[in-house]
Structure formats: C-alpha cells, structure tokens
Amino acid sequence: MSVYKKLKDFDSTGGAHPNSGLIQLRNGKLYGTAPRGGSSDYGVIFTFDPSTSVYPRGNVFNSVGYPTGSLIQ
C-alpha cells in the first residue's frame, strides 16, 4: 500500500497553478514552474528541497511571464 503526504500548498505568493513536470538536479532539489503567482502574478520558477521540505520563493517573472513548460538541465 502506498502512502502519500502533502508537502506544499501553492498560493499566489510563492507560485500558483503549477502544471508542468518537475526536474531533480544533482543537488537533490526539485525545480518547476508555476504560471501564476509571485509579486506581479506573472508566475515563478520554484525549487523544493525534499530532504528538508524547504520551499523558498523562486525566481519571479515581473513583466513577461506565465511559464508553462517543463524545465531542462
């Protein structure tokens, strides 16, 4: 039986409506995009550290934004 645990609620500050895949870099952190949220509501690129459950606010788009695609390394 699988057990799932919610790790993060997305909101208008840290990124809203994430809809693309995540990538995991060599540093172990997960990265993704959210097309809404951030200080200007143009979306964010976010990171999440699964070993510490830390979700710092990501890079914010301030004029051209709404990222919807997946990231690549």
N, C-alpha and C. Protein backbone atom coordinates (compact mmCIF):
# COMPACT_ATOMS: atom_id res chain seq x y z
N MET A 1 0.84 -1.18 0.00
CA MET A 1 0.00 0.00 0.00
C MET A 1 0.89 1.24 0.00
N SER A 2 0.58 2.19 -0.87
CA SER A 2 1.33 3.44 -0.95
C SER A 2 0.73 4.47 -0.01
N VAL A 3 1.59 5.26 0.59
CA VAL A 3 1.15 6.34 1.46
C VAL A 3 1.70 7.63 0.89
N TYR A 4 0.84 8.62 0.73
CA TYR A 4 1.24 9.92 0.20
C TYR A 4 1.11 10.97 1.28
N LYS A 5 2.01 11.95 1.23
CA LYS A 5 1.99 13.04 2.20
C LYS A 5 2.06 14.36 1.44
N LYS A 6 1.14 15.26 1.72
CA LYS A 6 1.17 16.57 1.08
C LYS A 6 2.33 17.36 1.65
N LEU A 7 3.17 17.91 0.78
CA LEU A 7 4.35 18.65 1.22
C LEU A 7 4.23 20.15 1.06
N LYS A 8 3.39 20.61 0.15
CA LYS A 8 3.33 22.05 -0.13
C LYS A 8 1.98 22.43 -0.70
N ASP A 9 1.42 23.52 -0.20
CA ASP A 9 0.25 24.17 -0.81
C ASP A 9 0.77 25.34 -1.61
N PHE A 10 0.40 25.43 -2.86
CA PHE A 10 0.80 26.56 -3.69
C PHE A 10 -0.19 27.70 -3.48
N ASP A 11 0.33 28.94 -3.57
CA ASP A 11 -0.51 30.11 -3.34
C ASP A 11 -0.05 31.25 -4.23
N SER A 12 -0.73 32.37 -4.15
CA SER A 12 -0.41 33.49 -5.04
C SER A 12 0.95 34.13 -4.75
N THR A 13 1.51 33.92 -3.57
CA THR A 13 2.81 34.49 -3.24
C THR A 13 3.95 33.66 -3.82
N GLY A 14 3.95 32.37 -3.55
CA GLY A 14 5.06 31.52 -3.94
C GLY A 14 4.91 30.81 -5.25
N GLY A 15 3.80 31.00 -5.92
CA GLY A 15 3.56 30.34 -7.20
C GLY A 15 2.23 29.62 -7.16
N ALA A 16 1.42 29.84 -8.16
CA ALA A 16 0.09 29.25 -8.18
C ALA A 16 -0.13 28.47 -9.48
N HIS A 17 -0.90 27.44 -9.39
CA HIS A 17 -1.32 26.60 -10.52
C HIS A 17 -0.16 25.92 -11.26
N PRO A 18 0.77 25.28 -10.54
CA PRO A 18 1.84 24.58 -11.25
C PRO A 18 1.24 23.48 -12.11
N ASN A 19 1.68 23.38 -13.35
CA ASN A 19 1.09 22.39 -14.25
C ASN A 19 2.10 21.70 -15.14
N SER A 20 3.37 21.86 -14.85
CA SER A 20 4.39 21.19 -15.66
C SER A 20 5.12 20.18 -14.80
N GLY A 21 5.94 19.39 -15.43
CA GLY A 21 6.71 18.39 -14.70
C GLY A 21 7.81 19.01 -13.85
N LEU A 22 8.31 18.23 -12.94
CA LEU A 22 9.44 18.65 -12.10
C LEU A 22 10.72 18.01 -12.63
N ILE A 23 11.84 18.68 -12.38
CA ILE A 23 13.14 18.07 -12.63
C ILE A 23 13.90 18.05 -11.31
N GLN A 24 14.76 17.05 -11.18
CA GLN A 24 15.60 16.98 -9.98
C GLN A 24 17.04 17.11 -10.42
N LEU A 25 17.72 18.12 -9.87
CA LEU A 25 19.11 18.37 -10.22
C LEU A 25 20.03 17.53 -9.34
N ARG A 26 21.30 17.55 -9.66
CA ARG A 26 22.28 16.78 -8.90
C ARG A 26 22.33 17.16 -7.42
N ASN A 27 21.91 18.38 -7.10
CA ASN A 27 21.90 18.82 -5.70
C ASN A 27 20.73 18.22 -4.92
N GLY A 28 19.89 17.43 -5.58
CA GLY A 28 18.76 16.77 -4.94
C GLY A 28 17.49 17.57 -4.89
N LYS A 29 17.56 18.86 -5.27
CA LYS A 29 16.38 19.73 -5.21
C LYS A 29 15.51 19.55 -6.45
N LEU A 30 14.22 19.74 -6.27
CA LEU A 30 13.24 19.69 -7.35
C LEU A 30 12.97 21.10 -7.84
N TYR A 31 12.82 21.27 -9.16
CA TYR A 31 12.55 22.57 -9.76
C TYR A 31 11.34 22.44 -10.69
N GLY A 32 10.54 23.50 -10.74
CA GLY A 32 9.37 23.50 -11.62
C GLY A 32 8.91 24.92 -11.88
N THR A 33 7.83 25.03 -12.64
CA THR A 33 7.28 26.33 -12.98
C THR A 33 5.83 26.42 -12.53
N ALA A 34 5.41 27.63 -12.20
CA ALA A 34 4.01 27.93 -11.89
C ALA A 34 3.64 29.17 -12.69
N PRO A 35 2.65 29.09 -13.57
CA PRO A 35 2.34 30.21 -14.45
C PRO A 35 1.69 31.41 -13.78
N ARG A 36 1.29 31.28 -12.54
CA ARG A 36 0.70 32.39 -11.82
C ARG A 36 1.41 32.56 -10.48
N GLY A 37 1.16 33.66 -9.81
CA GLY A 37 1.76 33.91 -8.51
C GLY A 37 2.99 34.77 -8.61
N GLY A 38 3.62 35.00 -7.50
CA GLY A 38 4.76 35.91 -7.43
C GLY A 38 4.28 37.33 -7.20
N SER A 39 5.20 38.24 -7.06
CA SER A 39 4.85 39.62 -6.70
C SER A 39 4.00 40.33 -7.76
N SER A 40 4.14 39.98 -9.03
CA SER A 40 3.36 40.63 -10.09
C SER A 40 2.35 39.69 -10.73
N ASP A 41 2.23 38.48 -10.20
CA ASP A 41 1.31 37.45 -10.71
C ASP A 41 1.63 37.01 -12.14
N TYR A 42 2.92 37.10 -12.52
CA TYR A 42 3.36 36.61 -13.83
C TYR A 42 4.00 35.23 -13.75
N GLY A 43 3.96 34.61 -12.57
CA GLY A 43 4.48 33.26 -12.43
C GLY A 43 5.87 33.22 -11.81
N VAL A 44 6.29 31.99 -11.49
CA VAL A 44 7.59 31.79 -10.84
C VAL A 44 8.23 30.49 -11.34
N ILE A 45 9.53 30.43 -11.19
CA ILE A 45 10.27 29.17 -11.24
C ILE A 45 10.58 28.85 -9.78
N PHE A 46 10.15 27.69 -9.32
CA PHE A 46 10.30 27.38 -7.91
C PHE A 46 11.25 26.20 -7.69
N THR A 47 11.71 26.08 -6.47
CA THR A 47 12.55 24.97 -6.06
C THR A 47 12.01 24.40 -4.76
N PHE A 48 12.22 23.12 -4.57
CA PHE A 48 11.78 22.45 -3.35
C PHE A 48 12.86 21.44 -2.96
N ASP A 49 13.27 21.47 -1.69
CA ASP A 49 14.27 20.54 -1.19
C ASP A 49 13.55 19.42 -0.43
N PRO A 50 13.42 18.21 -1.02
CA PRO A 50 12.68 17.15 -0.35
C PRO A 50 13.33 16.64 0.93
N SER A 51 14.62 16.86 1.09
CA SER A 51 15.28 16.37 2.31
C SER A 51 14.97 17.24 3.53
N THR A 52 14.61 18.51 3.29
CA THR A 52 14.32 19.43 4.39
C THR A 52 12.91 20.01 4.33
N SER A 53 12.18 19.72 3.26
CA SER A 53 10.84 20.27 3.00
C SER A 53 10.86 21.80 2.91
N VAL A 54 12.00 22.37 2.52
CA VAL A 54 12.13 23.83 2.38
C VAL A 54 11.69 24.24 0.98
N TYR A 55 10.83 25.24 0.93
CA TYR A 55 10.32 25.79 -0.32
C TYR A 55 10.55 27.30 -0.30
N PRO A 56 11.74 27.75 -0.71
CA PRO A 56 11.96 29.20 -0.77
C PRO A 56 11.24 29.76 -1.99
N ARG A 57 10.85 31.02 -1.92
CA ARG A 57 10.23 31.63 -3.09
C ARG A 57 11.20 31.60 -4.24
N GLY A 58 10.74 31.22 -5.40
CA GLY A 58 11.62 31.08 -6.55
C GLY A 58 11.85 32.37 -7.30
N ASN A 59 12.38 32.24 -8.48
CA ASN A 59 12.61 33.39 -9.35
C ASN A 59 11.26 33.87 -9.88
N VAL A 60 11.01 35.15 -9.74
CA VAL A 60 9.72 35.74 -10.09
C VAL A 60 9.80 36.45 -11.43
N PHE A 61 8.80 36.23 -12.26
CA PHE A 61 8.69 36.97 -13.51
C PHE A 61 7.95 38.26 -13.22
N ASN A 62 8.51 39.41 -13.67
CA ASN A 62 7.92 40.71 -13.35
C ASN A 62 7.26 41.42 -14.52
N SER A 63 7.50 40.99 -15.74
CA SER A 63 6.84 41.66 -16.85
C SER A 63 6.37 40.66 -17.90
N VAL A 64 7.25 39.86 -18.40
CA VAL A 64 6.87 38.81 -19.35
C VAL A 64 6.93 37.51 -18.59
N GLY A 65 5.88 36.75 -18.64
CA GLY A 65 5.89 35.58 -17.79
C GLY A 65 4.91 34.52 -18.20
N TYR A 66 4.23 33.98 -17.20
CA TYR A 66 3.32 32.86 -17.32
C TYR A 66 4.02 31.61 -17.84
N PRO A 67 5.10 31.16 -17.17
CA PRO A 67 5.81 29.96 -17.63
C PRO A 67 4.91 28.74 -17.56
N THR A 68 4.86 27.97 -18.63
CA THR A 68 4.01 26.78 -18.66
C THR A 68 4.76 25.53 -19.05
N GLY A 69 5.98 25.63 -19.51
CA GLY A 69 6.71 24.47 -19.95
C GLY A 69 7.55 23.85 -18.87
N SER A 70 8.03 22.67 -19.16
CA SER A 70 8.93 21.99 -18.23
C SER A 70 10.33 22.54 -18.37
N LEU A 71 11.10 22.45 -17.31
CA LEU A 71 12.49 22.90 -17.32
C LEU A 71 13.40 21.77 -17.78
N ILE A 72 14.56 22.11 -18.30
CA ILE A 72 15.57 21.13 -18.66
C ILE A 72 16.88 21.54 -18.02
N GLN A 73 17.73 20.58 -17.78
CA GLN A 73 19.03 20.86 -17.20
C GLN A 73 20.07 20.97 -18.28
